[in-house]
């Protein structure tokens, strides 16, 4: 999503934890904050590309990244159904 949320966190002078399905920067630091009770969340945002949810813009929770990618290529109709079910339940 071009890093807009991360840039906004820096500009606002707050701690930004930007997590995507493919990577999480500073996971160690995040886990340490959680362990010591210092993790306070004031605002949450996702970076889902809902303009293209059925072709990799959204990865539904029950599937791993590998499973989702495989299902998108082998059975896109099934993948679409799983995505739609998760979106409808949110």
N, C-alpha and C. Protein backbone atom coordinates (compact mmCIF):
# COMPACT_ATOMS: atom_id res chain seq x y z
N UNK A 1 0.83 -1.19 0.00
CA UNK A 1 0.00 0.00 0.00
C UNK A 1 0.87 1.25 0.00
N UNK A 2 2.06 1.19 -0.46
CA UNK A 2 2.98 2.30 -0.64
C UNK A 2 3.57 2.86 0.64
N UNK A 3 3.29 2.27 1.77
CA UNK A 3 3.89 2.73 3.02
C UNK A 3 3.25 3.95 3.63
N UNK A 4 2.05 4.32 3.21
CA UNK A 4 1.41 5.54 3.71
C UNK A 4 1.19 5.48 5.22
N UNK A 5 0.75 4.34 5.74
CA UNK A 5 0.52 4.25 7.18
C UNK A 5 1.81 4.41 7.96
N UNK A 6 2.87 3.79 7.49
CA UNK A 6 4.15 3.91 8.20
C UNK A 6 4.66 5.34 8.18
N UNK A 7 4.53 6.01 7.06
CA UNK A 7 4.95 7.41 6.96
C UNK A 7 4.11 8.29 7.88
N UNK A 8 2.82 8.02 7.95
CA UNK A 8 1.93 8.80 8.81
C UNK A 8 2.32 8.62 10.28
N UNK A 9 2.70 7.42 10.68
CA UNK A 9 3.13 7.18 12.06
C UNK A 9 4.37 7.99 12.40
N UNK A 10 5.32 8.01 11.49
CA UNK A 10 6.55 8.79 11.71
C UNK A 10 6.22 10.28 11.82
N UNK A 11 5.41 10.78 10.92
CA UNK A 11 5.04 12.20 10.94
C UNK A 11 4.31 12.56 12.23
N UNK A 12 3.44 11.65 12.70
CA UNK A 12 2.67 11.91 13.92
C UNK A 12 3.49 11.69 15.19
N UNK A 13 4.68 11.12 15.05
CA UNK A 13 5.54 10.90 16.21
C UNK A 13 5.09 9.74 17.08
N UNK A 14 4.46 8.75 16.48
CA UNK A 14 4.02 7.59 17.25
C UNK A 14 4.71 6.33 16.76
N UNK A 15 4.50 5.26 17.49
CA UNK A 15 5.06 3.98 17.09
C UNK A 15 4.08 3.33 16.13
N UNK A 16 4.55 2.94 14.98
CA UNK A 16 3.70 2.27 14.00
C UNK A 16 4.14 0.83 13.84
N UNK A 17 3.22 -0.09 13.98
CA UNK A 17 3.50 -1.50 13.73
C UNK A 17 2.76 -1.84 12.44
N UNK A 18 3.51 -2.00 11.39
CA UNK A 18 2.94 -2.23 10.08
C UNK A 18 3.15 -3.71 9.74
N UNK A 19 2.06 -4.45 9.69
CA UNK A 19 2.15 -5.89 9.43
C UNK A 19 1.41 -6.21 8.14
N UNK A 20 2.03 -6.99 7.31
CA UNK A 20 1.40 -7.48 6.09
C UNK A 20 1.55 -8.99 6.08
N UNK A 21 0.77 -9.63 5.26
CA UNK A 21 0.81 -11.08 5.19
C UNK A 21 2.19 -11.59 4.81
N UNK A 22 2.97 -10.81 4.09
CA UNK A 22 4.27 -11.26 3.61
C UNK A 22 5.43 -10.91 4.53
N UNK A 23 5.26 -9.94 5.41
CA UNK A 23 6.39 -9.56 6.26
C UNK A 23 5.92 -8.81 7.49
N UNK A 24 6.75 -8.84 8.51
CA UNK A 24 6.54 -8.06 9.72
C UNK A 24 7.90 -7.59 10.19
N UNK A 25 8.11 -6.30 10.15
CA UNK A 25 9.37 -5.72 10.56
C UNK A 25 9.37 -5.57 12.08
N UNK A 26 10.50 -5.80 12.72
CA UNK A 26 10.67 -5.62 14.15
C UNK A 26 9.72 -6.48 14.99
N UNK A 27 9.53 -7.72 14.57
CA UNK A 27 8.66 -8.61 15.34
C UNK A 27 9.20 -8.81 16.75
N UNK A 28 10.50 -8.89 16.89
CA UNK A 28 11.12 -9.07 18.20
C UNK A 28 10.74 -7.94 19.14
N UNK A 29 10.81 -6.72 18.66
CA UNK A 29 10.47 -5.55 19.47
C UNK A 29 8.99 -5.57 19.85
N UNK A 30 8.15 -5.92 18.92
CA UNK A 30 6.72 -6.00 19.19
C UNK A 30 6.43 -7.02 20.29
N UNK A 31 7.05 -8.20 20.21
CA UNK A 31 6.85 -9.23 21.22
C UNK A 31 7.37 -8.78 22.58
N UNK A 32 8.47 -8.05 22.62
CA UNK A 32 9.01 -7.54 23.89
C UNK A 32 8.05 -6.51 24.51
N UNK A 33 7.52 -5.62 23.70
CA UNK A 33 6.55 -4.64 24.21
C UNK A 33 5.33 -5.35 24.78
N UNK A 34 4.86 -6.38 24.09
CA UNK A 34 3.69 -7.12 24.56
C UNK A 34 3.99 -7.82 25.88
N UNK A 35 5.17 -8.42 25.98
CA UNK A 35 5.57 -9.15 27.19
C UNK A 35 5.64 -8.24 28.40
N UNK A 36 6.13 -7.03 28.22
CA UNK A 36 6.30 -6.10 29.34
C UNK A 36 5.07 -5.22 29.58
N UNK A 37 4.02 -5.45 28.83
CA UNK A 37 2.79 -4.69 29.04
C UNK A 37 2.86 -3.27 28.50
N UNK A 38 3.80 -3.00 27.60
CA UNK A 38 3.97 -1.64 27.07
C UNK A 38 3.27 -1.43 25.74
N UNK A 39 2.59 -2.43 25.24
CA UNK A 39 1.97 -2.32 23.94
C UNK A 39 0.58 -1.70 24.09
N UNK A 40 0.48 -0.44 23.76
CA UNK A 40 -0.79 0.27 23.83
C UNK A 40 -1.19 0.66 22.42
N UNK A 41 -2.34 0.23 21.99
CA UNK A 41 -2.78 0.49 20.64
C UNK A 41 -3.88 1.55 20.68
N UNK A 42 -3.63 2.67 20.01
CA UNK A 42 -4.61 3.74 19.93
C UNK A 42 -5.39 3.70 18.63
N UNK A 43 -4.80 3.13 17.61
CA UNK A 43 -5.42 3.14 16.30
C UNK A 43 -4.97 1.92 15.52
N UNK A 44 -5.90 1.28 14.86
CA UNK A 44 -5.57 0.13 14.04
C UNK A 44 -6.02 0.36 12.61
N UNK A 45 -5.29 -0.20 11.68
CA UNK A 45 -5.64 -0.07 10.27
C UNK A 45 -5.11 -1.29 9.53
N UNK A 46 -5.86 -1.73 8.54
CA UNK A 46 -5.31 -2.84 7.75
C UNK A 46 -4.88 -2.30 6.39
N UNK A 47 -4.08 -3.09 5.72
CA UNK A 47 -3.57 -2.68 4.42
C UNK A 47 -4.08 -3.61 3.33
N UNK A 48 -5.30 -4.08 3.51
CA UNK A 48 -5.89 -4.98 2.54
C UNK A 48 -6.18 -4.24 1.24
N UNK A 49 -5.78 -4.82 0.14
CA UNK A 49 -6.05 -4.24 -1.17
C UNK A 49 -7.42 -4.72 -1.65
N UNK A 50 -8.47 -4.14 -1.10
CA UNK A 50 -9.80 -4.63 -1.44
C UNK A 50 -10.28 -4.21 -2.82
N UNK A 51 -9.46 -3.49 -3.56
CA UNK A 51 -9.82 -3.23 -4.94
C UNK A 51 -9.60 -4.48 -5.79
N UNK A 52 -8.88 -5.47 -5.22
CA UNK A 52 -8.57 -6.70 -5.95
C UNK A 52 -8.52 -7.89 -4.98
N UNK A 53 -9.60 -8.16 -4.24
CA UNK A 53 -9.52 -9.14 -3.17
C UNK A 53 -9.35 -10.58 -3.62
N UNK A 54 -9.74 -10.90 -4.84
CA UNK A 54 -9.74 -12.30 -5.28
C UNK A 54 -8.47 -12.72 -6.01
N UNK A 55 -7.55 -11.81 -6.18
CA UNK A 55 -6.29 -12.12 -6.89
C UNK A 55 -5.08 -11.70 -6.08
N UNK A 56 -5.12 -11.94 -4.77
CA UNK A 56 -3.97 -11.64 -3.92
C UNK A 56 -4.07 -10.35 -3.15
N UNK A 57 -5.16 -9.63 -3.29
CA UNK A 57 -5.33 -8.40 -2.52
C UNK A 57 -5.83 -8.66 -1.11
N UNK A 58 -6.31 -9.87 -0.87
CA UNK A 58 -6.82 -10.24 0.44
C UNK A 58 -6.49 -11.71 0.67
N UNK A 59 -5.93 -12.00 1.82
CA UNK A 59 -5.60 -13.38 2.18
C UNK A 59 -6.45 -13.75 3.39
N UNK A 60 -7.45 -14.62 3.22
CA UNK A 60 -8.34 -14.96 4.32
C UNK A 60 -7.64 -15.74 5.43
N UNK A 61 -8.05 -15.50 6.65
CA UNK A 61 -7.42 -16.06 7.83
C UNK A 61 -7.24 -17.58 7.82
N UNK A 62 -8.19 -18.39 7.38
CA UNK A 62 -7.94 -19.83 7.51
C UNK A 62 -6.84 -20.37 6.60
N UNK A 63 -6.36 -19.58 5.65
CA UNK A 63 -5.36 -20.07 4.70
C UNK A 63 -4.00 -19.44 4.96
N UNK A 64 -2.95 -20.24 4.82
CA UNK A 64 -1.60 -19.69 4.86
C UNK A 64 -1.34 -18.98 3.53
N UNK A 65 -0.29 -18.20 3.47
CA UNK A 65 0.07 -17.53 2.22
C UNK A 65 0.26 -18.55 1.10
N UNK A 66 0.97 -19.64 1.40
CA UNK A 66 1.23 -20.68 0.40
C UNK A 66 -0.08 -21.34 -0.06
N UNK A 67 -0.93 -21.68 0.91
CA UNK A 67 -2.22 -22.31 0.56
C UNK A 67 -3.08 -21.37 -0.30
N UNK A 68 -3.13 -20.11 0.09
CA UNK A 68 -3.94 -19.14 -0.67
C UNK A 68 -3.44 -19.00 -2.09
N UNK A 69 -2.13 -18.85 -2.25
CA UNK A 69 -1.56 -18.71 -3.59
C UNK A 69 -1.84 -19.95 -4.44
N UNK A 70 -1.71 -21.13 -3.84
CA UNK A 70 -1.97 -22.36 -4.57
C UNK A 70 -3.44 -22.44 -4.98
N UNK A 71 -4.34 -22.12 -4.05
CA UNK A 71 -5.77 -22.18 -4.35
C UNK A 71 -6.17 -21.15 -5.40
N UNK A 72 -5.55 -19.98 -5.37
CA UNK A 72 -5.84 -18.96 -6.40
C UNK A 72 -5.55 -19.49 -7.79
N UNK A 73 -4.48 -20.28 -7.91
CA UNK A 73 -4.11 -20.77 -9.25
C UNK A 73 -4.82 -22.07 -9.62
N UNK A 74 -5.10 -22.95 -8.65
CA UNK A 74 -5.70 -24.24 -8.98
C UNK A 74 -7.22 -24.24 -8.91
N UNK A 75 -7.79 -23.43 -8.03
CA UNK A 75 -9.26 -23.40 -7.90
C UNK A 75 -9.70 -21.99 -7.51
N UNK A 76 -9.62 -21.04 -8.45
CA UNK A 76 -9.95 -19.66 -8.13
C UNK A 76 -11.39 -19.46 -7.64
N UNK A 77 -12.32 -20.31 -8.09
CA UNK A 77 -13.70 -20.20 -7.62
C UNK A 77 -13.81 -20.50 -6.13
N UNK A 78 -13.11 -21.52 -5.69
CA UNK A 78 -13.09 -21.88 -4.27
C UNK A 78 -12.45 -20.76 -3.45
N UNK A 79 -11.32 -20.25 -3.95
CA UNK A 79 -10.65 -19.16 -3.25
C UNK A 79 -11.57 -17.96 -3.14
N UNK A 80 -12.24 -17.64 -4.21
CA UNK A 80 -13.19 -16.51 -4.23
C UNK A 80 -14.29 -16.70 -3.18
N UNK A 81 -14.80 -17.92 -3.07
CA UNK A 81 -15.85 -18.22 -2.09
C UNK A 81 -15.35 -18.03 -0.65
N UNK A 82 -14.15 -18.52 -0.38
CA UNK A 82 -13.57 -18.37 0.96
C UNK A 82 -13.38 -16.90 1.30
N UNK A 83 -12.83 -16.15 0.35
CA UNK A 83 -12.62 -14.71 0.55
C UNK A 83 -13.95 -14.02 0.82
N UNK A 84 -14.94 -14.30 -0.01
CA UNK A 84 -16.24 -13.64 0.15
C UNK A 84 -16.88 -13.97 1.49
N UNK A 85 -16.75 -15.24 1.91
CA UNK A 85 -17.30 -15.64 3.20
C UNK A 85 -16.65 -14.86 4.35
N UNK A 86 -15.34 -14.71 4.28
CA UNK A 86 -14.62 -13.96 5.35
C UNK A 86 -15.00 -12.48 5.30
N UNK A 87 -15.10 -11.92 4.12
CA UNK A 87 -15.46 -10.50 4.01
C UNK A 87 -16.89 -10.25 4.50
N UNK A 88 -17.80 -11.18 4.20
CA UNK A 88 -19.18 -11.03 4.64
C UNK A 88 -19.31 -11.14 6.16
N UNK A 89 -18.39 -11.90 6.79
CA UNK A 89 -18.48 -12.08 8.24
C UNK A 89 -17.78 -10.97 9.03
N UNK A 90 -17.08 -10.07 8.34
CA UNK A 90 -16.37 -9.00 9.05
C UNK A 90 -17.28 -7.85 9.38
